[in-house]
Amino acid sequence: MKQTEPNVTSTPPKKIAFFERYLTLWVALCIGLGILLGNVANESMTLLSQLEIEKVNIPIAILIWLMIYPMMLQIDFSSLKKVTQKPKGIVLTVVINWLIKPFTMAFFAWLFFSNIYGAFISPELAGEYIAGAILLGAAPCTAMVFVWSYLSDGDPNYTLMQVSVNDLIILIAFVPIVGLLLGITNITVPYNTLILSVVIYVVVPLVAGYLTSRTLIKAKGETWFTTVFLPKLKPISIIALLLTLIFLFAFQGGNIVNNPLIIIFIAIPLIIQTYFIFFVAWYAGKKMNLSHAVCAPAAMIGASNFFELSVAVAIALFGLESPAALVCVVGVLVEVPVMLSLVAYANKKKNTFKEA
């Protein structure tokens, strides 16, 4: 008698959303459009650059706030109650992001901009490039890491805990770490501006996001909040990101046209840092006997950056046309292809983990 083959339904492969998948392309298009806009509407760009309060550019501040606020809506601080149940993954995240990553980023930036590129870049410019890298290194990812965690089969609830802990630490540690590392590079740190930036771009959207999520979940339910409300906000965040990049490259157009290789120069140490910190976290997690679902997101958080905050603070501290701001924007350009390669590596090595 002929046996009937069992009906096996294969799990469809996970895919990154359309916008995130082509983020590098969008950034590249924004470079071209921004440079073109800067040359065509130079006077208008100058007027926009002068709309400031305490060195905070108002149009850019509004756009960056629109990027950050939807991220903060996703933070569930009630998940922090579960931190003590599986502390090792949280410990790894904290150590990598706050005791290792900012300092290795500063080292690679110093190595390249002050030494390897010394013949091409003046010490003054090198200092600002290093400052931009420091701002990137001191701000661990809070949004895209959910994408990387999903693609690498990470535990979504534990990833949420890791991100929530990082967001709270940013409130306390970002200013002193940035101040320390910028001080080492002999850059004068305007602490009032630095603190104001953290308040504007972290504290205010964090509190607003918490109050909004609690109010809407209570009124409409968690299912409506996650399936209806949050998806409606996503286009706003995407549009704000693209407009911010266009404006930044409009202001940076002169720097790029005069030195087109600077994008490659900046990208090299950022890429090296990304791979380096990922593998430090990856092998540390394996040594700690973490499961793949916890270790992979921990390594992804360390490797990626909260570029929205970095861009905002770089503009506030050094200006729209500064090399520091350009470094942070290049961080956006290189992050997606590099992180996708790390997702592929994490998935390939998944069977080397013992379930914790």
Protein backbone atom coordinates (compact mmCIF):
# COMPACT_ATOMS: atom_id res chain seq x y z
CA MET A 1 0.00 0.00 0.00
CA LYS A 2 1.40 3.37 -0.98
CA GLN A 3 2.09 5.61 1.98
CA THR A 4 0.98 9.20 1.85
CA GLU A 5 3.77 11.70 2.39
CA PRO A 6 3.19 13.82 5.48
CA ASN A 7 2.18 17.38 4.80
CA VAL A 8 5.12 19.39 6.08
CA THR A 9 4.72 23.14 6.15
CA SER A 10 8.06 24.87 5.99
CA THR A 11 8.61 28.07 7.91
CA PRO A 12 9.02 30.95 5.49
CA PRO A 13 12.38 32.70 5.76
CA LYS A 14 12.41 35.88 7.77
CA LYS A 15 12.74 39.04 5.75
CA ILE A 16 13.77 42.55 6.64
CA ALA A 17 11.19 45.23 5.92
CA PHE A 18 11.48 47.11 2.62
CA PHE A 19 12.77 50.38 4.05
CA GLU A 20 15.32 48.80 6.39
CA ARG A 21 16.52 46.42 3.66
CA TYR A 22 17.47 49.29 1.37
CA LEU A 23 18.47 51.82 4.03
CA THR A 24 21.97 52.13 2.58
CA LEU A 25 20.46 52.97 -0.83
CA TRP A 26 18.17 55.61 0.69
CA VAL A 27 21.11 57.18 2.50
CA ALA A 28 23.14 57.20 -0.72
CA LEU A 29 20.25 58.91 -2.54
CA CYS A 30 20.00 61.43 0.28
CA ILE A 31 23.71 62.21 -0.13
CA GLY A 32 23.15 63.10 -3.78
CA LEU A 33 19.92 65.00 -3.20
CA GLY A 34 21.34 66.83 -0.20
CA ILE A 35 24.48 67.95 -2.01
CA LEU A 36 22.37 69.09 -4.97
CA LEU A 37 20.02 70.99 -2.67
CA GLY A 38 22.95 72.62 -0.89
CA ASN A 39 24.33 73.94 -4.18
CA VAL A 40 20.99 75.04 -5.62
CA ALA A 41 19.43 76.56 -2.49
CA ASN A 42 22.51 77.64 -0.57
CA GLU A 43 20.92 80.81 0.89
CA SER A 44 17.87 78.92 2.14
CA MET A 45 20.12 76.31 3.76
CA THR A 46 22.03 79.08 5.49
CA LEU A 47 18.80 80.51 6.91
CA LEU A 48 17.74 77.08 8.19
CA SER A 49 21.13 76.56 9.81
CA GLN A 50 20.69 79.80 11.77
CA LEU A 51 17.40 78.76 13.42
CA GLU A 52 18.98 77.81 16.75
CA ILE A 53 18.33 77.94 20.49
CA GLU A 54 21.36 77.28 22.71
CA LYS A 55 23.19 75.76 19.70
CA VAL A 56 20.28 73.36 19.07
CA ASN A 57 19.03 73.68 15.47
CA ILE A 58 15.23 73.81 15.66
CA PRO A 59 14.27 72.17 12.29
CA ILE A 60 16.74 69.32 12.78
CA ALA A 61 15.70 68.95 16.43
CA ILE A 62 12.05 68.50 15.41
CA LEU A 63 12.95 65.90 12.77
CA ILE A 64 15.22 63.92 15.09
CA TRP A 65 12.61 64.02 17.85
CA LEU A 66 10.10 62.57 15.38
CA MET A 67 12.58 59.75 14.74
CA ILE A 68 13.28 58.99 18.39
CA TYR A 69 9.79 59.30 19.86
CA PRO A 70 8.32 56.23 18.03
CA MET A 71 11.28 54.16 19.29
CA MET A 72 10.60 55.15 22.88
CA LEU A 73 6.97 54.06 22.50
CA GLN A 74 8.22 50.48 22.13
CA ILE A 75 10.08 50.45 25.45
CA ASP A 76 8.27 48.35 28.05
CA PHE A 77 9.72 49.17 31.44
CA SER A 78 7.56 46.53 33.08
CA SER A 79 9.92 44.02 31.47
CA LEU A 80 12.67 45.26 33.77
CA LYS A 81 11.05 43.30 36.60
CA LYS A 82 12.27 40.12 34.87
CA VAL A 83 15.91 41.21 34.60
CA THR A 84 17.02 39.24 37.66
CA GLN A 85 15.56 35.99 36.26
CA LYS A 86 18.28 35.70 33.57
CA PRO A 87 20.91 38.28 34.49
CA LYS A 88 23.87 37.04 32.43
CA GLY A 89 22.63 38.43 29.12
CA ILE A 90 21.93 41.81 30.71
CA VAL A 91 25.39 41.84 32.32
CA LEU A 92 26.97 41.13 28.93
CA THR A 93 24.98 43.95 27.30
CA VAL A 94 25.95 46.46 29.98
CA VAL A 95 29.65 45.55 30.01
CA ILE A 96 30.00 45.58 26.21
CA ASN A 97 28.07 48.80 25.64
CA TRP A 98 29.33 50.89 28.53
CA LEU A 99 32.71 49.53 29.65
CA ILE A 100 34.21 48.41 26.33
CA LYS A 101 32.54 49.82 23.20
CA PRO A 102 32.98 53.60 23.78
CA PHE A 103 36.69 53.13 24.48
CA THR A 104 37.42 50.82 21.53
CA MET A 105 35.57 53.23 19.23
CA ALA A 106 37.70 56.10 20.54
CA PHE A 107 40.84 54.00 20.03
CA PHE A 108 40.09 53.05 16.43
CA ALA A 109 39.10 56.64 15.63
CA TRP A 110 42.35 57.96 17.15
CA LEU A 111 44.38 55.28 15.34
CA PHE A 112 42.97 56.16 11.94
CA PHE A 113 42.21 59.90 12.03
CA SER A 114 45.21 61.06 14.05
CA ASN A 115 47.78 58.54 12.83
CA ILE A 116 47.03 56.56 9.67
CA TYR A 117 45.29 59.54 8.03
CA GLY A 118 47.69 62.05 9.57
CA ALA A 119 49.15 63.03 6.20
CA PHE A 120 45.72 63.85 4.77
CA ILE A 121 43.82 65.34 7.73
CA SER A 122 44.86 68.24 9.94
CA PRO A 123 44.96 67.68 13.74
CA GLU A 124 41.97 70.01 14.19
CA LEU A 125 39.82 68.09 11.71
CA ALA A 126 41.02 64.77 13.11
CA GLY A 127 39.80 65.87 16.54
CA GLU A 128 36.28 66.49 15.25
CA TYR A 129 36.18 63.22 13.32
CA ILE A 130 37.24 61.42 16.48
CA ALA A 131 34.54 63.29 18.42
CA GLY A 132 31.85 62.09 16.00
CA ALA A 133 33.05 58.51 16.37
CA ILE A 134 32.99 58.87 20.17
CA LEU A 135 29.37 60.04 20.03
CA LEU A 136 28.48 56.98 17.96
CA GLY A 137 30.34 54.63 20.28
CA ALA A 138 28.69 55.99 23.41
CA ALA A 139 25.14 55.50 22.12
CA PRO A 140 24.06 51.82 21.83
CA CYS A 141 21.28 50.96 19.41
CA THR A 142 17.67 51.16 20.60
CA ALA A 143 15.59 50.67 17.43
CA MET A 144 17.19 48.76 14.55
CA VAL A 145 18.38 46.12 17.01
CA PHE A 146 14.81 44.79 17.10
CA VAL A 147 15.17 44.13 13.36
CA TRP A 148 18.54 42.40 13.81
CA SER A 149 17.19 40.36 16.74
CA TYR A 150 14.20 39.23 14.69
CA LEU A 151 16.33 38.22 11.71
CA SER A 152 18.76 36.25 13.90
CA ASP A 153 16.02 34.43 15.85
CA GLY A 154 16.66 36.37 19.03
CA ASP A 155 14.35 36.25 22.02
CA PRO A 156 12.15 39.34 21.45
CA ASN A 157 11.20 39.71 25.12
CA TYR A 158 14.78 39.47 26.28
CA THR A 159 15.90 41.90 23.56
CA LEU A 160 13.30 44.31 24.90
CA MET A 161 14.83 43.99 28.37
CA GLN A 162 18.33 44.60 27.02
CA VAL A 163 17.21 47.71 25.13
CA SER A 164 15.21 49.03 28.10
CA VAL A 165 18.21 48.69 30.41
CA ASN A 166 20.40 50.51 27.88
CA ASP A 167 17.89 53.35 27.57
CA LEU A 168 17.95 53.90 31.32
CA ILE A 169 21.75 53.80 31.42
CA ILE A 170 21.96 56.37 28.60
CA LEU A 171 20.28 58.85 30.95
CA ILE A 172 23.10 58.45 33.46
CA ALA A 173 26.22 57.37 31.57
CA PHE A 174 26.12 59.07 28.16
CA VAL A 175 27.15 62.54 29.32
CA PRO A 176 30.07 61.52 31.59
CA ILE A 177 31.48 58.98 29.09
CA VAL A 178 31.29 61.43 26.19
CA GLY A 179 32.77 64.17 28.39
CA LEU A 180 35.63 61.91 29.49
CA LEU A 181 36.53 60.73 26.00
CA LEU A 182 36.20 64.17 24.40
CA GLY A 183 38.39 65.54 27.19
CA ILE A 184 41.06 62.97 26.34
CA THR A 185 41.01 64.23 22.74
CA ASN A 186 41.58 67.79 24.01
CA ILE A 187 38.18 68.98 22.81
CA THR A 188 36.47 71.49 25.05
CA VAL A 189 33.22 69.98 26.25
CA PRO A 190 30.23 72.37 26.58
CA TYR A 191 28.47 70.33 29.26
CA ASN A 192 25.39 72.57 29.28
CA THR A 193 24.79 71.81 25.60
CA LEU A 194 25.59 68.11 26.08
CA ILE A 195 23.16 67.76 28.99
CA LEU A 196 20.49 69.77 27.16
CA SER A 197 20.84 67.45 24.15
CA VAL A 198 20.29 64.37 26.31
CA VAL A 199 17.24 65.98 27.90
CA ILE A 200 15.77 66.94 24.52
CA TYR A 201 16.54 63.74 22.64
CA VAL A 202 16.33 61.09 25.37
CA VAL A 203 14.51 62.25 28.50
CA VAL A 204 11.63 64.09 26.84
CA PRO A 205 10.78 61.44 24.21
CA LEU A 206 11.31 58.67 26.77
CA VAL A 207 8.82 60.21 29.20
CA ALA A 208 6.44 61.15 26.38
CA GLY A 209 6.64 57.65 24.94
CA TYR A 210 6.01 56.03 28.30
CA LEU A 211 3.00 58.22 29.08
CA THR A 212 1.57 57.78 25.58
CA SER A 213 1.94 53.99 25.56
CA ARG A 214 0.49 53.57 29.06
CA THR A 215 -2.48 55.83 28.26
CA LEU A 216 -3.30 54.25 24.89
CA ILE A 217 -2.86 50.66 26.09
CA LYS A 218 -5.18 51.37 29.00
CA ALA A 219 -7.76 52.97 26.72
CA LYS A 220 -7.52 50.78 23.59
CA GLY A 221 -5.66 47.64 24.63
CA GLU A 222 -2.18 46.35 23.87
CA THR A 223 -3.19 44.59 20.65
CA TRP A 224 -4.55 47.81 19.12
CA PHE A 225 -1.47 49.71 20.29
CA THR A 226 1.03 47.30 18.69
CA THR A 227 -0.90 46.40 15.53
CA VAL A 228 -2.63 49.69 14.67
CA PHE A 229 -1.05 52.68 16.41
CA LEU A 230 2.68 51.86 16.12
CA PRO A 231 2.52 50.93 12.40
CA LYS A 232 0.84 54.29 11.67
CA LEU A 233 3.78 56.12 13.27
CA LYS A 234 6.43 54.26 11.30
CA PRO A 235 6.09 56.33 8.08
CA ILE A 236 6.51 59.52 10.13
CA SER A 237 9.77 58.21 11.59
CA ILE A 238 11.03 57.16 8.14
CA ILE A 239 10.17 60.51 6.52
CA ALA A 240 11.86 62.36 9.40
CA LEU A 241 15.00 60.26 8.96
CA LEU A 242 15.20 60.87 5.23
CA LEU A 243 14.60 64.62 5.59
CA THR A 244 17.24 64.84 8.31
CA LEU A 245 19.80 63.11 6.10
CA ILE A 246 18.97 65.38 3.15
CA PHE A 247 19.41 68.49 5.28
CA LEU A 248 22.65 67.22 6.80
CA PHE A 249 24.18 66.47 3.42
CA ALA A 250 22.95 69.81 2.11
CA PHE A 251 24.98 71.45 4.87
CA GLN A 252 27.87 69.00 4.39
CA GLY A 253 27.97 69.31 0.61
CA GLY A 254 31.05 71.51 0.55
CA ASN A 255 33.06 69.12 2.72
CA ILE A 256 32.16 66.14 0.54
CA VAL A 257 32.72 67.85 -2.83
CA ASN A 258 36.11 69.19 -1.71
CA ASN A 259 37.14 65.79 -0.34
CA PRO A 260 35.04 63.00 -1.90
CA LEU A 261 37.25 60.27 -0.40
CA ILE A 262 36.37 61.38 3.13
CA ILE A 263 33.32 59.08 3.17
CA ILE A 264 35.58 56.06 2.60
CA PHE A 265 38.12 57.31 5.14
CA ILE A 266 35.40 57.63 7.77
CA ALA A 267 33.75 54.30 6.91
CA ILE A 268 36.88 52.17 7.41
CA PRO A 269 37.35 52.62 11.20
CA LEU A 270 33.59 52.46 11.77
CA ILE A 271 33.35 49.12 9.95
CA ILE A 272 36.36 47.69 11.81
CA GLN A 273 34.87 48.78 15.14
CA THR A 274 31.52 47.18 14.27
CA TYR A 275 33.00 43.79 13.48
CA PHE A 276 35.41 43.95 16.42
CA ILE A 277 32.82 44.71 19.09
CA PHE A 278 30.38 42.16 17.65
CA PHE A 279 32.88 39.32 17.95
CA VAL A 280 33.97 40.42 21.43
CA ALA A 281 30.34 40.21 22.58
CA TRP A 282 29.66 37.05 20.55
CA TYR A 283 32.50 34.98 22.00
CA ALA A 284 32.01 36.40 25.49
CA GLY A 285 28.38 35.29 25.31
CA LYS A 286 29.40 31.80 24.21
CA LYS A 287 31.92 31.67 27.07
CA MET A 288 29.09 32.58 29.46
CA ASN A 289 26.98 29.72 28.02
CA LEU A 290 24.23 32.05 26.84
CA SER A 291 21.66 30.72 24.42
CA HIS A 292 21.82 31.89 20.80
CA ALA A 293 18.53 33.75 21.29
CA VAL A 294 20.15 35.94 23.97
CA CYS A 295 23.75 36.11 22.75
CA ALA A 296 22.96 37.16 19.18
CA PRO A 297 20.89 40.26 20.13
CA ALA A 298 23.51 41.20 22.76
CA ALA A 299 26.20 41.20 20.10
CA MET A 300 23.93 43.11 17.69
CA ILE A 301 23.22 45.82 20.28
CA GLY A 302 26.94 46.27 20.85
CA ALA A 303 27.73 46.42 17.14
CA SER A 304 25.02 48.88 16.10
CA ASN A 305 24.51 52.50 17.17
CA PHE A 306 21.81 54.93 18.25
CA PHE A 307 22.72 57.17 15.33
CA GLU A 308 19.72 59.46 15.79
CA LEU A 309 21.02 60.57 19.20
CA SER A 310 24.61 60.74 17.93
CA VAL A 311 23.65 62.98 15.01
CA ALA A 312 21.61 65.26 17.24
CA VAL A 313 24.35 65.71 19.84
CA ALA A 314 27.04 66.16 17.17
CA ILE A 315 25.03 68.98 15.61
CA ALA A 316 24.41 70.60 18.99
CA LEU A 317 28.07 70.41 20.03
CA PHE A 318 29.87 71.06 16.76
CA GLY A 319 27.34 72.40 14.24
CA LEU A 320 25.49 71.20 11.16
CA GLU A 321 28.52 71.45 8.87
CA SER A 322 30.94 69.79 11.28
CA PRO A 323 33.08 66.74 10.54
CA ALA A 324 31.64 65.22 13.74
CA ALA A 325 28.12 65.30 12.31
CA LEU A 326 29.40 63.82 9.04
CA VAL A 327 30.93 60.85 10.89
CA CYS A 328 27.59 60.10 12.55
CA VAL A 329 25.78 60.22 9.20
CA VAL A 330 28.33 57.91 7.58
CA GLY A 331 27.58 55.56 10.48
CA VAL A 332 24.05 55.26 9.08
CA LEU A 333 25.42 54.59 5.60
CA VAL A 334 27.62 51.63 6.60
CA GLU A 335 25.50 50.11 9.35
CA VAL A 336 22.91 48.15 7.35
CA PRO A 337 25.17 46.13 5.01
CA VAL A 338 27.60 45.38 7.85
CA MET A 339 24.86 44.34 10.26
CA LEU A 340 23.19 42.14 7.63
CA SER A 341 26.50 40.31 7.20
CA LEU A 342 26.63 39.77 10.97
CA VAL A 343 23.04 38.51 10.99
CA ALA A 344 24.05 35.97 8.33
CA TYR A 345 27.03 34.91 10.45
CA ALA A 346 24.88 34.58 13.59
CA ASN A 347 22.35 32.40 11.76
CA LYS A 348 25.09 30.23 10.25
CA LYS A 349 26.62 29.60 13.70
CA LYS A 350 23.34 29.05 15.52
CA ASN A 351 23.86 25.30 15.86
CA THR A 352 27.13 25.84 17.74
CA PHE A 353 25.22 27.03 20.83
CA LYS A 354 24.01 24.95 23.70
CA GLU A 355 20.58 26.02 24.88
CA ALA A 356 20.95 27.78 28.22
